[in-house]
């Protein structure tokens, strides 16, 4: 049972409760773990710097795993997104009838 003792009242409220989603583009940091097998620390550092400079670390044999540093998330500005929208508003329907519909973005465009 939900917040009401009366199931009928709960269903009536659900018919008049409307849901919306706001989606925002963010910038974040990702921490990647890489591993190098080498004869010394200096050799490992030299090899890893070479891999880092290739800028393809996710596709290398050195890659182990990654984690998202969520405490570093920041909302992206329109200017930082090459003038494209960074927030979008969607109508998501009611509890019983989820019907996702794009409404508007933060550039006041109402179509994708």
N, C-alpha and C. Protein backbone atom coordinates (compact mmCIF):
# COMPACT_ATOMS: atom_id res chain seq x y z
N UNK A 1 0.86 -1.17 0.00
CA UNK A 1 0.00 0.00 0.00
C UNK A 1 0.91 1.23 0.00
N UNK A 2 0.47 2.29 -0.65
CA UNK A 2 1.25 3.50 -0.79
C UNK A 2 1.04 4.48 0.34
N UNK A 3 1.08 5.75 0.00
CA UNK A 3 0.97 6.79 1.04
C UNK A 3 -0.45 6.97 1.54
N UNK A 4 -1.44 6.46 0.78
CA UNK A 4 -2.84 6.56 1.19
C UNK A 4 -3.32 5.22 1.72
N UNK A 5 -4.28 5.27 2.65
CA UNK A 5 -4.92 4.04 3.10
C UNK A 5 -5.94 3.59 2.07
N UNK A 6 -6.34 4.48 1.20
CA UNK A 6 -7.37 4.21 0.22
C UNK A 6 -6.73 4.04 -1.15
N UNK A 7 -6.77 2.83 -1.69
CA UNK A 7 -6.14 2.55 -2.98
C UNK A 7 -6.78 3.35 -4.11
N UNK A 8 -8.09 3.59 -4.00
CA UNK A 8 -8.80 4.37 -5.02
C UNK A 8 -8.27 5.81 -5.07
N UNK A 9 -8.05 6.41 -3.91
CA UNK A 9 -7.52 7.77 -3.86
C UNK A 9 -6.12 7.82 -4.45
N UNK A 10 -5.33 6.78 -4.22
CA UNK A 10 -3.98 6.71 -4.79
C UNK A 10 -4.02 6.69 -6.31
N UNK A 11 -4.93 5.91 -6.88
CA UNK A 11 -5.07 5.82 -8.33
C UNK A 11 -5.55 7.13 -8.92
N UNK A 12 -6.44 7.83 -8.23
CA UNK A 12 -6.93 9.13 -8.70
C UNK A 12 -5.79 10.15 -8.72
N UNK A 13 -4.98 10.16 -7.68
CA UNK A 13 -3.84 11.07 -7.64
C UNK A 13 -2.87 10.76 -8.77
N UNK A 14 -2.63 9.49 -9.05
CA UNK A 14 -1.72 9.09 -10.11
C UNK A 14 -2.17 9.61 -11.46
N UNK A 15 -3.46 9.76 -11.67
CA UNK A 15 -3.99 10.26 -12.95
C UNK A 15 -3.70 11.75 -13.14
N UNK A 16 -3.50 12.48 -12.05
CA UNK A 16 -3.29 13.92 -12.15
C UNK A 16 -1.85 14.33 -11.84
N UNK A 17 -0.99 13.37 -11.61
CA UNK A 17 0.42 13.63 -11.33
C UNK A 17 1.20 13.47 -12.63
N UNK A 18 1.86 14.53 -13.10
CA UNK A 18 2.59 14.52 -14.36
C UNK A 18 4.09 14.59 -14.09
N UNK A 19 4.87 13.87 -14.89
CA UNK A 19 6.31 13.76 -14.68
C UNK A 19 7.06 14.42 -15.83
N UNK A 20 8.21 15.01 -15.48
CA UNK A 20 9.07 15.67 -16.45
C UNK A 20 10.52 15.27 -16.16
N UNK A 21 11.33 15.24 -17.20
CA UNK A 21 12.77 15.01 -17.05
C UNK A 21 13.52 16.21 -17.58
N UNK A 22 14.53 16.64 -16.86
CA UNK A 22 15.48 17.61 -17.36
C UNK A 22 16.80 16.88 -17.52
N UNK A 23 17.31 16.91 -18.74
CA UNK A 23 18.60 16.27 -19.03
C UNK A 23 19.63 17.36 -19.24
N UNK A 24 20.76 17.25 -18.54
CA UNK A 24 21.80 18.26 -18.61
C UNK A 24 23.11 17.63 -19.06
N UNK A 25 23.81 18.33 -19.93
CA UNK A 25 25.13 17.89 -20.36
C UNK A 25 26.14 18.36 -19.32
N UNK A 26 27.04 17.49 -18.95
CA UNK A 26 28.01 17.83 -17.91
C UNK A 26 29.43 17.54 -18.41
N UNK A 27 30.37 18.13 -17.73
CA UNK A 27 31.76 17.72 -17.88
C UNK A 27 32.13 16.97 -16.61
N UNK A 28 32.97 16.00 -16.77
CA UNK A 28 33.37 15.18 -15.62
C UNK A 28 34.79 14.67 -15.83
N UNK A 29 35.33 14.09 -14.82
CA UNK A 29 36.64 13.45 -14.91
C UNK A 29 36.45 11.94 -14.75
N UNK A 30 37.25 11.20 -15.47
CA UNK A 30 37.28 9.74 -15.37
C UNK A 30 38.70 9.34 -14.99
N UNK A 31 38.81 8.50 -13.98
CA UNK A 31 40.13 7.99 -13.57
C UNK A 31 40.32 6.61 -14.19
N UNK A 32 41.35 6.47 -15.00
CA UNK A 32 41.66 5.18 -15.63
C UNK A 32 42.88 4.57 -14.95
N UNK A 33 42.81 3.27 -14.72
CA UNK A 33 43.95 2.54 -14.19
C UNK A 33 44.63 1.83 -15.36
N UNK A 34 45.94 2.02 -15.47
CA UNK A 34 46.75 1.36 -16.50
C UNK A 34 47.89 0.63 -15.81
N UNK A 35 48.38 -0.41 -16.46
CA UNK A 35 49.46 -1.22 -15.89
C UNK A 35 50.52 -1.48 -16.97
N UNK A 36 51.78 -1.32 -16.58
CA UNK A 36 52.92 -1.55 -17.47
C UNK A 36 53.85 -2.55 -16.80
N UNK A 37 54.29 -3.52 -17.53
CA UNK A 37 55.33 -4.44 -17.05
C UNK A 37 56.66 -3.94 -17.58
N UNK A 38 57.61 -3.66 -16.66
CA UNK A 38 58.90 -3.11 -17.06
C UNK A 38 59.96 -3.55 -16.07
N UNK A 39 61.22 -3.35 -16.45
CA UNK A 39 62.35 -3.72 -15.59
C UNK A 39 62.56 -2.73 -14.45
N UNK A 40 62.08 -1.48 -14.63
CA UNK A 40 62.28 -0.47 -13.59
C UNK A 40 61.13 0.53 -13.62
N UNK A 41 61.05 1.28 -12.54
CA UNK A 41 60.04 2.34 -12.46
C UNK A 41 60.25 3.36 -13.58
N UNK A 42 61.50 3.74 -13.82
CA UNK A 42 61.81 4.73 -14.84
C UNK A 42 61.38 4.25 -16.22
N UNK A 43 61.64 2.97 -16.52
CA UNK A 43 61.24 2.41 -17.81
C UNK A 43 59.71 2.36 -17.93
N UNK A 44 59.04 2.00 -16.85
CA UNK A 44 57.58 1.96 -16.86
C UNK A 44 57.00 3.35 -17.10
N UNK A 45 57.56 4.36 -16.42
CA UNK A 45 57.10 5.73 -16.61
C UNK A 45 57.30 6.17 -18.05
N UNK A 46 58.46 5.87 -18.61
CA UNK A 46 58.76 6.25 -20.00
C UNK A 46 57.77 5.59 -20.96
N UNK A 47 57.48 4.31 -20.77
CA UNK A 47 56.53 3.60 -21.63
C UNK A 47 55.12 4.17 -21.48
N UNK A 48 54.73 4.47 -20.24
CA UNK A 48 53.39 4.96 -20.02
C UNK A 48 53.20 6.36 -20.61
N UNK A 49 54.23 7.20 -20.52
CA UNK A 49 54.15 8.52 -21.12
C UNK A 49 53.98 8.40 -22.64
N UNK A 50 54.69 7.47 -23.27
CA UNK A 50 54.53 7.25 -24.71
C UNK A 50 53.11 6.82 -25.04
N UNK A 51 52.52 5.92 -24.25
CA UNK A 51 51.14 5.48 -24.46
C UNK A 51 50.17 6.65 -24.25
N UNK A 52 50.44 7.45 -23.23
CA UNK A 52 49.58 8.60 -22.92
C UNK A 52 49.57 9.60 -24.07
N UNK A 53 50.73 9.84 -24.67
CA UNK A 53 50.83 10.80 -25.77
C UNK A 53 50.10 10.31 -27.03
N UNK A 54 49.89 9.02 -27.17
CA UNK A 54 49.13 8.49 -28.31
C UNK A 54 47.65 8.85 -28.20
N UNK A 55 47.19 9.15 -26.99
CA UNK A 55 45.80 9.53 -26.70
C UNK A 55 44.80 8.46 -27.14
N UNK A 56 45.21 7.21 -27.06
CA UNK A 56 44.33 6.09 -27.38
C UNK A 56 44.38 5.07 -26.25
N UNK A 57 44.45 5.55 -25.03
CA UNK A 57 44.71 4.67 -23.90
C UNK A 57 43.62 3.64 -23.66
N UNK A 58 42.38 3.93 -24.02
CA UNK A 58 41.30 2.97 -23.81
C UNK A 58 41.42 1.74 -24.70
N UNK A 59 42.21 1.85 -25.76
CA UNK A 59 42.35 0.74 -26.71
C UNK A 59 43.71 0.04 -26.60
N UNK A 60 44.41 0.26 -25.51
CA UNK A 60 45.75 -0.32 -25.41
C UNK A 60 45.76 -1.50 -24.43
N UNK A 61 46.85 -2.22 -24.45
CA UNK A 61 47.02 -3.34 -23.52
C UNK A 61 47.29 -2.87 -22.10
N UNK A 62 47.59 -1.59 -21.93
CA UNK A 62 47.88 -1.07 -20.59
C UNK A 62 46.61 -0.82 -19.78
N UNK A 63 45.47 -0.66 -20.46
CA UNK A 63 44.21 -0.31 -19.79
C UNK A 63 43.72 -1.45 -18.91
N UNK A 64 43.32 -1.12 -17.67
CA UNK A 64 42.79 -2.11 -16.73
C UNK A 64 41.32 -1.83 -16.42
N UNK A 65 41.01 -0.62 -15.95
CA UNK A 65 39.63 -0.26 -15.60
C UNK A 65 39.53 1.24 -15.44
N UNK A 66 38.28 1.71 -15.22
CA UNK A 66 38.08 3.13 -14.99
C UNK A 66 36.97 3.36 -13.97
N UNK A 67 36.96 4.56 -13.39
CA UNK A 67 35.89 4.96 -12.49
C UNK A 67 35.56 6.42 -12.77
N UNK A 68 34.29 6.78 -12.67
CA UNK A 68 33.86 8.16 -12.85
C UNK A 68 33.99 8.89 -11.52
N UNK A 69 34.60 10.04 -11.56
CA UNK A 69 34.79 10.85 -10.36
C UNK A 69 33.60 11.80 -10.25
N UNK A 70 32.51 11.29 -9.71
CA UNK A 70 31.23 12.00 -9.69
C UNK A 70 31.28 13.32 -8.94
N UNK A 71 32.14 13.45 -7.97
CA UNK A 71 32.22 14.71 -7.22
C UNK A 71 32.86 15.82 -8.05
N UNK A 72 33.26 15.51 -9.27
CA UNK A 72 33.86 16.51 -10.16
C UNK A 72 32.91 16.94 -11.27
N UNK A 73 31.68 16.44 -11.29
CA UNK A 73 30.71 16.79 -12.33
C UNK A 73 30.37 18.28 -12.26
N UNK A 74 30.37 18.94 -13.41
CA UNK A 74 29.93 20.33 -13.50
C UNK A 74 29.05 20.48 -14.73
N UNK A 75 28.04 21.35 -14.63
CA UNK A 75 27.19 21.61 -15.78
C UNK A 75 27.99 22.31 -16.87
N UNK A 76 27.76 21.89 -18.11
CA UNK A 76 28.48 22.47 -19.24
C UNK A 76 27.76 23.72 -19.73
N UNK A 77 28.52 24.77 -20.03
CA UNK A 77 27.97 25.99 -20.61
C UNK A 77 27.72 25.79 -22.10
N UNK A 78 26.76 26.53 -22.63
CA UNK A 78 26.46 26.48 -24.05
C UNK A 78 27.70 26.82 -24.87
N UNK A 79 28.46 27.80 -24.42
CA UNK A 79 29.68 28.21 -25.13
C UNK A 79 30.69 27.06 -25.20
N UNK A 80 30.79 26.30 -24.11
CA UNK A 80 31.73 25.17 -24.07
C UNK A 80 31.24 24.00 -24.91
N UNK A 81 29.99 24.04 -25.35
CA UNK A 81 29.41 22.97 -26.16
C UNK A 81 29.23 23.44 -27.61
N UNK A 82 30.10 24.33 -28.05
CA UNK A 82 30.09 24.85 -29.42
C UNK A 82 28.75 25.47 -29.80
N UNK A 83 28.10 26.14 -28.85
CA UNK A 83 26.83 26.81 -29.12
C UNK A 83 25.62 25.90 -29.14
N UNK A 84 25.80 24.62 -28.84
CA UNK A 84 24.68 23.68 -28.81
C UNK A 84 24.05 23.64 -27.42
N UNK A 85 22.81 23.20 -27.37
CA UNK A 85 22.07 23.13 -26.10
C UNK A 85 22.79 22.22 -25.10
N UNK A 86 22.64 22.56 -23.84
CA UNK A 86 23.22 21.74 -22.77
C UNK A 86 22.17 21.28 -21.77
N UNK A 87 20.91 21.65 -22.00
CA UNK A 87 19.82 21.18 -21.14
C UNK A 87 18.57 21.01 -21.99
N UNK A 88 17.82 19.94 -21.72
CA UNK A 88 16.60 19.64 -22.47
C UNK A 88 15.51 19.23 -21.49
N UNK A 89 14.29 19.70 -21.77
CA UNK A 89 13.14 19.37 -20.94
C UNK A 89 12.24 18.41 -21.71
N UNK A 90 11.85 17.32 -21.03
CA UNK A 90 10.98 16.30 -21.61
C UNK A 90 9.76 16.10 -20.73
N UNK A 91 8.59 15.96 -21.36
CA UNK A 91 7.40 15.50 -20.67
C UNK A 91 7.49 13.98 -20.63
N UNK A 92 7.28 13.40 -19.46
CA UNK A 92 7.46 11.96 -19.31
C UNK A 92 6.15 11.23 -19.01
N UNK A 93 5.02 11.95 -19.03
CA UNK A 93 3.73 11.30 -18.86
C UNK A 93 3.28 11.22 -17.42
N UNK A 94 2.38 10.27 -17.19
CA UNK A 94 1.83 10.03 -15.85
C UNK A 94 2.36 8.71 -15.33
N UNK A 95 2.03 8.41 -14.11
CA UNK A 95 2.49 7.16 -13.50
C UNK A 95 2.05 5.94 -14.33
N UNK A 96 0.81 5.97 -14.80
CA UNK A 96 0.27 4.83 -15.56
C UNK A 96 0.56 4.90 -17.04
N UNK A 97 0.92 6.07 -17.56
CA UNK A 97 1.10 6.23 -19.00
C UNK A 97 2.35 7.05 -19.28
N UNK A 98 3.48 6.37 -19.33
CA UNK A 98 4.74 7.06 -19.62
C UNK A 98 4.81 7.28 -21.13
N UNK A 99 4.86 8.56 -21.51
CA UNK A 99 4.85 8.93 -22.91
C UNK A 99 5.86 10.05 -23.10
N UNK A 100 7.11 9.71 -23.31
CA UNK A 100 8.20 10.68 -23.39
C UNK A 100 8.04 11.59 -24.61
N UNK A 101 8.17 12.90 -24.35
CA UNK A 101 8.01 13.90 -25.41
C UNK A 101 8.95 15.06 -25.16
N UNK A 102 9.81 15.38 -26.15
CA UNK A 102 10.71 16.53 -26.04
C UNK A 102 9.89 17.81 -26.04
N UNK A 103 10.21 18.75 -25.12
CA UNK A 103 9.48 20.01 -25.05
C UNK A 103 10.30 21.21 -25.51
N UNK A 104 11.48 21.40 -24.89
CA UNK A 104 12.29 22.59 -25.19
C UNK A 104 13.70 22.39 -24.65
N UNK A 105 14.66 23.13 -25.20
CA UNK A 105 16.02 23.09 -24.66
C UNK A 105 16.41 24.49 -24.17
N UNK A 106 17.62 24.62 -23.65
CA UNK A 106 18.01 25.92 -23.09
C UNK A 106 18.45 26.93 -24.15
N UNK A 107 18.21 26.62 -25.42
CA UNK A 107 18.34 27.59 -26.50
C UNK A 107 16.96 28.02 -27.00
N UNK A 108 15.93 27.60 -26.24
CA UNK A 108 14.53 27.85 -26.57
C UNK A 108 14.08 27.20 -27.87
N UNK A 109 14.78 26.15 -28.27
CA UNK A 109 14.34 25.37 -29.44
C UNK A 109 13.36 24.32 -28.96
N UNK A 110 12.28 24.14 -29.68
CA UNK A 110 11.28 23.17 -29.24
C UNK A 110 11.21 21.96 -30.17
N UNK A 111 12.28 21.70 -30.90
CA UNK A 111 12.38 20.45 -31.66
C UNK A 111 13.84 20.04 -31.73
N UNK A 112 14.04 18.75 -31.78
CA UNK A 112 15.42 18.24 -31.81
C UNK A 112 15.88 18.17 -33.25
